[in-house]
C-alpha cells in the first residue's frame, strides 16, 4: 500500500439518538474536514434496531469515500468522530447510539487484526447495510464471499424493518 495513494472506503453510518439526520450530517462533515472526498451517498433509511430492544429506530445510510489514510488510520478517524460526537466507548452488547460508523470495504482488501476486520464480517446478514449499499454499489463484489452487494441483499435472511426515506 503506497503512502498517499487514494483508497475507496465503503462506510455504513447510523444514528438512533437525538436529531438522527443532523448526527449523520455532522459525521459526514467531519469526514470531509479530514480530507475524505465523498464519491457516493445513499438515501437515508429508517431501520429497526437489530440484536437489541429499543423504541428508537435508526437512520442509516451508506457512502463511498476516497481517503489517503491506511485502514488502521481510517479506523482511528472514525473512532475519533464517534468520540467527538458523544458516543460512549464500544460495549459488549448493542445499545442506542448517537452515531455509529463502520468500515464495510476498503478497496478490495482482506484484513484482520484485533481491532479491525475488512470486509466487515456482518455485511451479509444486515439488511440495514445491504439496502443502502445496493443503492450506491450494487455490483461491488465481496472479496471473500465472491457475491455482489445485490446478490448478498437477495439472499439476506434479515427480515428487520428497513424503509427508504425521501
C-alpha atoms as a PDB file:
ATOM      1  CA  UNK A   1       0.000   0.000   0.000  1.00  0.00           C
ATOM      2  CA  UNK A   2       1.675   3.204  -1.150  1.00  0.00           C
ATOM      3  CA  UNK A   3       1.827   6.229   1.113  1.00  0.00           C
ATOM      4  CA  UNK A   4      -0.508   8.946  -0.181  1.00  0.00           C
ATOM      5  CA  UNK A   5      -2.259   6.680  -2.661  1.00  0.00           C
ATOM      6  CA  UNK A   6      -6.020   7.092  -2.750  1.00  0.00           C
ATOM      7  CA  UNK A   7      -8.275   4.352  -1.395  1.00  0.00           C
ATOM      8  CA  UNK A   8     -12.009   3.789  -1.701  1.00  0.00           C
ATOM      9  CA  UNK A   9     -13.740   3.127   1.593  1.00  0.00           C
ATOM     10  CA  UNK A  10     -17.335   1.917   1.783  1.00  0.00           C
ATOM     11  CA  UNK A  11     -18.968   3.064   5.019  1.00  0.00           C
ATOM     12  CA  UNK A  12     -22.150   2.464   6.951  1.00  0.00           C
ATOM     13  CA  UNK A  13     -23.415   5.285   9.182  1.00  0.00           C
ATOM     14  CA  UNK A  14     -26.226   5.051  11.709  1.00  0.00           C
ATOM     15  CA  UNK A  15     -27.859   7.063  14.478  1.00  0.00           C
ATOM     16  CA  UNK A  16     -30.836   6.399  16.741  1.00  0.00           C
ATOM     17  CA  UNK A  17     -30.479   9.110  19.399  1.00  0.00           C
ATOM     18  CA  UNK A  18     -31.146  12.848  19.219  1.00  0.00           C
ATOM     19  CA  UNK A  19     -31.510  14.544  15.846  1.00  0.00           C
ATOM     20  CA  UNK A  20     -30.591  11.482  13.793  1.00  0.00           C
ATOM     21  CA  UNK A  21     -30.364  13.254  10.435  1.00  0.00           C
ATOM     22  CA  UNK A  22     -28.207  16.040  11.922  1.00  0.00           C
ATOM     23  CA  UNK A  23     -25.964  13.403  13.539  1.00  0.00           C
ATOM     24  CA  UNK A  24     -25.389  11.736  10.163  1.00  0.00           C
ATOM     25  CA  UNK A  25     -24.684  15.123   8.565  1.00  0.00           C
ATOM     26  CA  UNK A  26     -22.220  16.042  11.320  1.00  0.00           C
ATOM     27  CA  UNK A  27     -20.308  12.769  10.883  1.00  0.00           C
ATOM     28  CA  UNK A  28     -20.124  13.361   7.118  1.00  0.00           C
ATOM     29  CA  UNK A  29     -18.950  16.930   7.725  1.00  0.00           C
ATOM     30  CA  UNK A  30     -16.145  15.616   9.973  1.00  0.00           C
ATOM     31  CA  UNK A  31     -15.092  13.068   7.329  1.00  0.00           C
ATOM     32  CA  UNK A  32     -14.894  15.869   4.752  1.00  0.00           C
ATOM     33  CA  UNK A  33     -12.981  18.095   7.185  1.00  0.00           C
ATOM     34  CA  UNK A  34     -10.382  15.308   7.453  1.00  0.00           C
ATOM     35  CA  UNK A  35      -9.956  15.330   3.667  1.00  0.00           C
ATOM     36  CA  UNK A  36     -12.253  12.497   2.646  1.00  0.00           C
ATOM     37  CA  UNK A  37     -13.876  13.007  -0.745  1.00  0.00           C
ATOM     38  CA  UNK A  38     -17.441  11.775  -0.986  1.00  0.00           C
ATOM     39  CA  UNK A  39     -17.926   9.751  -4.148  1.00  0.00           C
ATOM     40  CA  UNK A  40     -21.438   8.480  -3.487  1.00  0.00           C
ATOM     41  CA  UNK A  41     -24.048   8.632  -0.738  1.00  0.00           C
ATOM     42  CA  UNK A  42     -27.246   6.607  -0.411  1.00  0.00           C
ATOM     43  CA  UNK A  43     -30.604   7.887   0.710  1.00  0.00           C
ATOM     44  CA  UNK A  44     -31.336   7.714   4.441  1.00  0.00           C
ATOM     45  CA  UNK A  45     -33.176   4.593   5.607  1.00  0.00           C
ATOM     46  CA  UNK A  46     -35.368   4.186   8.678  1.00  0.00           C
ATOM     47  CA  UNK A  47     -34.446   0.872  10.294  1.00  0.00           C
ATOM     48  CA  UNK A  48     -35.384  -1.086  13.379  1.00  0.00           C
ATOM     49  CA  UNK A  49     -32.683  -1.878  15.961  1.00  0.00           C
ATOM     50  CA  UNK A  50     -31.010  -5.225  15.296  1.00  0.00           C
ATOM     51  CA  UNK A  51     -29.995  -7.574  18.117  1.00  0.00           C
ATOM     52  CA  UNK A  52     -31.256  -5.289  20.901  1.00  0.00           C
ATOM     53  CA  UNK A  53     -34.548  -3.810  22.091  1.00  0.00           C
ATOM     54  CA  UNK A  54     -35.174  -0.074  21.729  1.00  0.00           C
ATOM     55  CA  UNK A  55     -38.054   2.222  20.868  1.00  0.00           C
ATOM     56  CA  UNK A  56     -35.581   4.371  18.916  1.00  0.00           C
ATOM     57  CA  UNK A  57     -35.385   3.465  15.253  1.00  0.00           C
ATOM     58  CA  UNK A  58     -32.171   4.191  13.365  1.00  0.00           C
ATOM     59  CA  UNK A  59     -31.444   6.442  10.454  1.00  0.00           C
ATOM     60  CA  UNK A  60     -28.867   4.618   8.319  1.00  0.00           C
ATOM     61  CA  UNK A  61     -27.027   5.381   5.110  1.00  0.00           C
ATOM     62  CA  UNK A  62     -24.016   4.081   3.208  1.00  0.00           C
ATOM     63  CA  UNK A  63     -21.391   6.060   1.396  1.00  0.00           C
ATOM     64  CA  UNK A  64     -18.216   5.666  -0.609  1.00  0.00           C
ATOM     65  CA  UNK A  65     -15.312   7.991   0.155  1.00  0.00           C
ATOM     66  CA  UNK A  66     -11.789   8.463  -1.115  1.00  0.00           C
ATOM     67  CA  UNK A  67      -9.079   8.745   1.524  1.00  0.00           C
ATOM     68  CA  UNK A  68      -5.302   8.649   1.681  1.00  0.00           C
ATOM     69  CA  UNK A  69      -5.464   7.087   5.154  1.00  0.00           C
ATOM     70  CA  UNK A  70      -4.477   3.451   5.624  1.00  0.00           C
ATOM     71  CA  UNK A  71      -7.099   1.111   7.169  1.00  0.00           C
ATOM     72  CA  UNK A  72      -5.954   1.471  10.791  1.00  0.00           C
ATOM     73  CA  UNK A  73      -5.570   5.231  10.476  1.00  0.00           C
ATOM     74  CA  UNK A  74      -9.066   5.394   8.973  1.00  0.00           C
ATOM     75  CA  UNK A  75     -10.394   3.349  11.904  1.00  0.00           C
ATOM     76  CA  UNK A  76      -8.751   5.886  14.260  1.00  0.00           C
ATOM     77  CA  UNK A  77     -10.518   8.672  12.360  1.00  0.00           C
ATOM     78  CA  UNK A  78     -13.987   7.139  12.652  1.00  0.00           C
ATOM     79  CA  UNK A  79     -13.395   6.330  16.326  1.00  0.00           C
ATOM     80  CA  UNK A  80     -12.386   9.980  16.898  1.00  0.00           C
ATOM     81  CA  UNK A  81     -15.526  11.179  15.107  1.00  0.00           C
ATOM     82  CA  UNK A  82     -17.702   8.916  17.257  1.00  0.00           C
ATOM     83  CA  UNK A  83     -15.999  10.159  20.437  1.00  0.00           C
ATOM     84  CA  UNK A  84     -16.215  13.846  19.441  1.00  0.00           C
ATOM     85  CA  UNK A  85     -19.921  13.368  18.733  1.00  0.00           C
ATOM     86  CA  UNK A  86     -20.504  11.926  22.209  1.00  0.00           C
ATOM     87  CA  UNK A  87     -20.655   8.215  21.591  1.00  0.00           C
ATOM     88  CA  UNK A  88     -19.644   6.104  24.559  1.00  0.00           C
ATOM     89  CA  UNK A  89     -16.910   3.511  24.004  1.00  0.00           C
ATOM     90  CA  UNK A  90     -17.636   0.108  22.468  1.00  0.00           C
ATOM     91  CA  UNK A  91     -19.713  -2.199  24.645  1.00  0.00           C
ATOM     92  CA  UNK A  92     -20.165  -5.969  24.670  1.00  0.00           C
ATOM     93  CA  UNK A  93     -23.833  -5.592  23.703  1.00  0.00           C
ATOM     94  CA  UNK A  94     -25.591  -3.423  21.138  1.00  0.00           C
ATOM     95  CA  UNK A  95     -27.156  -0.227  22.513  1.00  0.00           C
ATOM     96  CA  UNK A  96     -28.706   3.046  21.392  1.00  0.00           C
ATOM     97  CA  UNK A  97     -26.099   5.388  19.938  1.00  0.00           C
ATOM     98  CA  UNK A  98     -25.698   8.964  18.742  1.00  0.00           C
ATOM     99  CA  UNK A  99     -23.506   7.826  15.858  1.00  0.00           C
ATOM    100  CA  UNK A 100     -22.085   4.584  14.541  1.00  0.00           C
ATOM    101  CA  UNK A 101     -19.603   4.382  11.684  1.00  0.00           C
ATOM    102  CA  UNK A 102     -18.425   1.078  10.251  1.00  0.00           C
ATOM    103  CA  UNK A 103     -15.908   0.319   7.538  1.00  0.00           C
ATOM    104  CA  UNK A 104     -17.607  -2.151   5.195  1.00  0.00           C
ATOM    105  CA  UNK A 105     -14.955  -2.417   2.492  1.00  0.00           C
ATOM    106  CA  UNK A 106     -11.574  -0.776   1.965  1.00  0.00           C
ATOM    107  CA  UNK A 107     -10.741  -1.142  -1.726  1.00  0.00           C
ATOM    108  CA  UNK A 108     -10.793  -4.952  -2.186  1.00  0.00           C
ATOM    109  CA  UNK A 109      -8.640  -5.517   0.878  1.00  0.00           C
ATOM    110  CA  UNK A 110      -8.973  -8.560   3.112  1.00  0.00           C
ATOM    111  CA  UNK A 111      -7.551  -7.598   6.516  1.00  0.00           C
ATOM    112  CA  UNK A 112      -7.881  -8.773  10.096  1.00  0.00           C
ATOM    113  CA  UNK A 113      -6.338  -7.875  13.412  1.00  0.00           C
ATOM    114  CA  UNK A 114      -7.681  -7.464  16.963  1.00  0.00           C
ATOM    115  CA  UNK A 115      -9.146  -4.013  16.169  1.00  0.00           C
ATOM    116  CA  UNK A 116     -10.408  -4.293  12.612  1.00  0.00           C
ATOM    117  CA  UNK A 117     -11.801  -6.843  10.181  1.00  0.00           C
ATOM    118  CA  UNK A 118     -12.228  -5.914   6.494  1.00  0.00           C
ATOM    119  CA  UNK A 119     -14.562  -6.625   4.858  1.00  0.00           C
ATOM    120  CA  UNK A 120     -16.928  -6.095   7.773  1.00  0.00           C
ATOM    121  CA  UNK A 121     -17.837  -9.614   8.961  1.00  0.00           C
ATOM    122  CA  UNK A 122     -21.574  -8.897   9.333  1.00  0.00           C
ATOM    123  CA  UNK A 123     -22.352  -7.248   5.966  1.00  0.00           C
ATOM    124  CA  UNK A 124     -24.198 -10.233   4.522  1.00  0.00           C
ATOM    125  CA  UNK A 125     -26.613 -10.514   7.458  1.00  0.00           C
ATOM    126  CA  UNK A 126     -27.666  -6.886   7.805  1.00  0.00           C
ATOM    127  CA  UNK A 127     -30.391  -5.528   5.570  1.00  0.00           C
ATOM    128  CA  UNK A 128     -29.883  -2.022   7.052  1.00  0.00           C
ATOM    129  CA  UNK A 129     -26.438  -2.132   5.406  1.00  0.00           C
ATOM    130  CA  UNK A 130     -27.277  -4.021   2.220  1.00  0.00           C
ATOM    131  CA  UNK A 131     -30.254  -1.898   1.089  1.00  0.00           C
ATOM    132  CA  UNK A 132     -28.439   1.471   1.117  1.00  0.00           C
ATOM    133  CA  UNK A 133     -25.225  -0.139  -0.128  1.00  0.00           C
ATOM    134  CA  UNK A 134     -27.082  -1.741  -3.056  1.00  0.00           C
ATOM    135  CA  UNK A 135     -28.372   1.722  -3.959  1.00  0.00           C
ATOM    136  CA  UNK A 136     -24.845   3.091  -4.499  1.00  0.00           C
ATOM    137  CA  UNK A 137     -22.731  -0.010  -5.253  1.00  0.00           C
ATOM    138  CA  UNK A 138     -24.925  -2.919  -6.415  1.00  0.00           C
ATOM    139  CA  UNK A 139     -22.093  -4.567  -8.355  1.00  0.00           C
ATOM    140  CA  UNK A 140     -19.418  -4.224  -5.643  1.00  0.00           C
ATOM    141  CA  UNK A 141     -18.066  -7.714  -5.081  1.00  0.00           C
ATOM    142  CA  UNK A 142     -17.377  -9.103  -1.613  1.00  0.00           C
ATOM    143  CA  UNK A 143     -13.723 -10.209  -1.812  1.00  0.00           C
ATOM    144  CA  UNK A 144     -14.285 -13.316   0.335  1.00  0.00           C
ATOM    145  CA  UNK A 145     -17.858 -14.388  -0.498  1.00  0.00           C
ATOM    146  CA  UNK A 146     -17.465 -13.532  -4.217  1.00  0.00           C
ATOM    147  CA  UNK A 147     -21.006 -12.200  -4.384  1.00  0.00           C
ATOM    148  CA  UNK A 148     -22.138  -8.723  -5.382  1.00  0.00           C
ATOM    149  CA  UNK A 149     -23.961  -6.483  -2.921  1.00  0.00           C
ATOM    150  CA  UNK A 150     -27.147  -7.102  -4.941  1.00  0.00           C
ATOM    151  CA  UNK A 151     -26.672 -10.882  -4.601  1.00  0.00           C
ATOM    152  CA  UNK A 152     -25.991 -10.566  -0.860  1.00  0.00           C
ATOM    153  CA  UNK A 153     -29.154  -8.474  -0.495  1.00  0.00           C
ATOM    154  CA  UNK A 154     -31.232 -11.039  -2.426  1.00  0.00           C
ATOM    155  CA  UNK A 155     -30.065 -13.857  -0.132  1.00  0.00           C
ATOM    156  CA  UNK A 156     -30.081 -11.983   3.193  1.00  0.00           C
ATOM    157  CA  UNK A 157     -32.137 -13.631   5.952  1.00  0.00           C
ATOM    158  CA  UNK A 158     -32.540 -10.410   7.960  1.00  0.00           C
ATOM    159  CA  UNK A 159     -36.250  -9.539   7.954  1.00  0.00           C
ATOM    160  CA  UNK A 160     -35.978  -6.412  10.125  1.00  0.00           C
ATOM    161  CA  UNK A 161     -37.704  -3.163   9.152  1.00  0.00           C
ATOM    162  CA  UNK A 162     -35.819  -1.122   6.541  1.00  0.00           C
ATOM    163  CA  UNK A 163     -37.621   1.729   4.750  1.00  0.00           C
ATOM    164  CA  UNK A 164     -36.080   4.286   2.384  1.00  0.00           C
ATOM    165  CA  UNK A 165     -36.911   7.850   3.425  1.00  0.00           C
ATOM    166  CA  UNK A 166     -37.465  10.549   0.800  1.00  0.00           C
END
